[in-house]
């Protein structure tokens, strides 16, 4: 006798792709999702029949009051750009964050700071 069991809530994978073709053009789009306790990753891609395309991956991990995550896009020509973020709960009601964005030419910019709890 066969038995069916649901996947644990802390480990879920989903995804799929679609291809659309026309008389002189077309392409394929895909997506995959992987969620587990404390982490998540989503990858999306698009490719045209003419060779243009990109793949984007975004995701993050979180544990013990800290989040680390980001997003990266890579074009078919190898150009990459994206951002990364770290956010931490300081335990006193405040939080610290730092985000770095990197452009397609390698330039980057970082913004960081602390958010404090407003006294009541």
Protein backbone atom coordinates (compact mmCIF):
# COMPACT_ATOMS: atom_id res chain seq x y z
CA UNK A 1 0.00 0.00 0.00
CA UNK A 2 1.35 3.43 -0.94
CA UNK A 3 1.26 6.28 1.54
CA UNK A 4 1.28 9.99 0.92
CA UNK A 5 2.92 12.43 3.28
CA UNK A 6 2.98 16.20 3.11
CA UNK A 7 6.34 17.90 2.91
CA UNK A 8 7.38 19.43 6.22
CA UNK A 9 6.38 23.06 6.55
CA UNK A 10 10.00 24.00 7.07
CA UNK A 11 11.23 22.56 3.76
CA UNK A 12 9.28 23.60 0.68
CA UNK A 13 10.47 23.70 -2.91
CA UNK A 14 8.38 25.00 -5.75
CA UNK A 15 9.04 26.10 -9.28
CA UNK A 16 8.22 25.88 -12.91
CA UNK A 17 8.79 27.39 -16.32
CA UNK A 18 6.81 28.64 -19.27
CA UNK A 19 7.79 29.02 -22.90
CA UNK A 20 6.00 31.43 -25.22
CA UNK A 21 6.79 31.28 -28.92
CA UNK A 22 5.57 33.55 -31.70
CA UNK A 23 6.17 33.75 -35.43
CA UNK A 24 9.38 35.80 -35.10
CA UNK A 25 10.10 35.89 -31.38
CA UNK A 26 9.65 34.09 -28.11
CA UNK A 27 11.28 33.12 -24.90
CA UNK A 28 11.22 31.15 -21.69
CA UNK A 29 10.68 32.29 -18.11
CA UNK A 30 11.40 30.15 -15.06
CA UNK A 31 11.09 30.42 -11.30
CA UNK A 32 12.14 28.27 -8.37
CA UNK A 33 11.49 28.80 -4.68
CA UNK A 34 13.18 27.09 -1.75
CA UNK A 35 11.91 27.89 1.74
CA UNK A 36 13.24 26.36 4.92
CA UNK A 37 13.20 27.34 8.56
CA UNK A 38 15.42 30.39 8.79
CA UNK A 39 16.05 30.84 5.07
CA UNK A 40 14.43 31.51 1.74
CA UNK A 41 15.75 31.63 -1.84
CA UNK A 42 13.91 32.59 -5.03
CA UNK A 43 15.55 32.32 -8.45
CA UNK A 44 13.93 33.75 -11.57
CA UNK A 45 15.21 33.63 -15.11
CA UNK A 46 14.14 34.89 -18.49
CA UNK A 47 15.71 33.98 -21.81
CA UNK A 48 14.65 35.18 -25.24
CA UNK A 49 15.13 33.27 -28.47
CA UNK A 50 17.44 36.08 -29.63
CA UNK A 51 19.88 35.38 -26.78
CA UNK A 52 19.01 38.17 -24.36
CA UNK A 53 18.28 37.19 -20.80
CA UNK A 54 18.92 37.48 -17.10
CA UNK A 55 18.86 35.44 -13.93
CA UNK A 56 17.91 37.00 -10.59
CA UNK A 57 18.41 35.34 -7.22
CA UNK A 58 17.11 36.82 -4.00
CA UNK A 59 17.03 35.36 -0.57
CA UNK A 60 18.00 35.62 3.01
CA UNK A 61 18.65 33.91 6.28
CA UNK A 62 17.51 34.90 9.74
CA UNK A 63 18.45 33.62 13.16
CA UNK A 64 18.87 34.97 16.68
CA UNK A 65 17.73 38.48 15.79
CA UNK A 66 19.90 38.84 12.67
CA UNK A 67 18.84 38.94 9.02
CA UNK A 68 21.29 38.58 6.11
CA UNK A 69 19.95 38.76 2.61
CA UNK A 70 20.17 40.26 -0.80
CA UNK A 71 19.46 40.15 -4.47
CA UNK A 72 21.79 39.57 -7.44
CA UNK A 73 21.01 39.83 -11.13
CA UNK A 74 23.30 38.43 -13.82
CA UNK A 75 22.77 39.27 -17.48
CA UNK A 76 23.75 36.85 -20.25
CA UNK A 77 26.80 39.01 -21.03
CA UNK A 78 28.12 38.40 -17.50
CA UNK A 79 27.21 41.81 -16.06
CA UNK A 80 26.13 41.49 -12.42
CA UNK A 81 24.45 43.98 -10.08
CA UNK A 82 22.48 43.78 -6.86
CA UNK A 83 22.35 44.56 -3.17
CA UNK A 84 23.01 42.94 0.18
CA UNK A 85 21.52 43.76 3.58
CA UNK A 86 22.26 42.90 7.18
CA UNK A 87 19.88 43.88 9.97
CA UNK A 88 20.34 43.08 13.66
CA UNK A 89 18.17 43.49 16.73
CA UNK A 90 20.36 44.98 19.45
CA UNK A 91 18.31 43.60 22.33
CA UNK A 92 17.46 47.01 23.78
CA UNK A 93 14.63 47.78 21.38
CA UNK A 94 16.94 49.27 18.78
CA UNK A 95 18.16 47.76 15.55
CA UNK A 96 21.17 48.22 13.27
CA UNK A 97 21.25 47.84 9.51
CA UNK A 98 23.66 48.03 6.61
CA UNK A 99 22.78 47.81 2.91
CA UNK A 100 25.26 47.83 0.04
CA UNK A 101 24.12 48.28 -3.55
CA UNK A 102 26.49 47.37 -6.37
CA UNK A 103 25.91 48.65 -9.90
CA UNK A 104 26.66 46.98 -13.23
CA UNK A 105 29.99 48.81 -13.56
CA UNK A 106 31.22 47.67 -10.14
CA UNK A 107 30.45 50.91 -8.34
CA UNK A 108 28.93 50.46 -4.89
CA UNK A 109 27.23 52.52 -2.21
CA UNK A 110 26.58 51.56 1.41
CA UNK A 111 23.94 52.95 3.75
CA UNK A 112 23.98 51.95 7.41
CA UNK A 113 22.58 53.13 10.68
CA UNK A 114 20.70 52.41 13.86
CA UNK A 115 17.00 52.73 14.51
CA UNK A 116 16.28 53.53 18.15
CA UNK A 117 13.24 52.79 20.24
CA UNK A 118 11.11 55.85 20.93
CA UNK A 119 10.63 56.32 24.70
CA UNK A 120 6.99 56.09 25.81
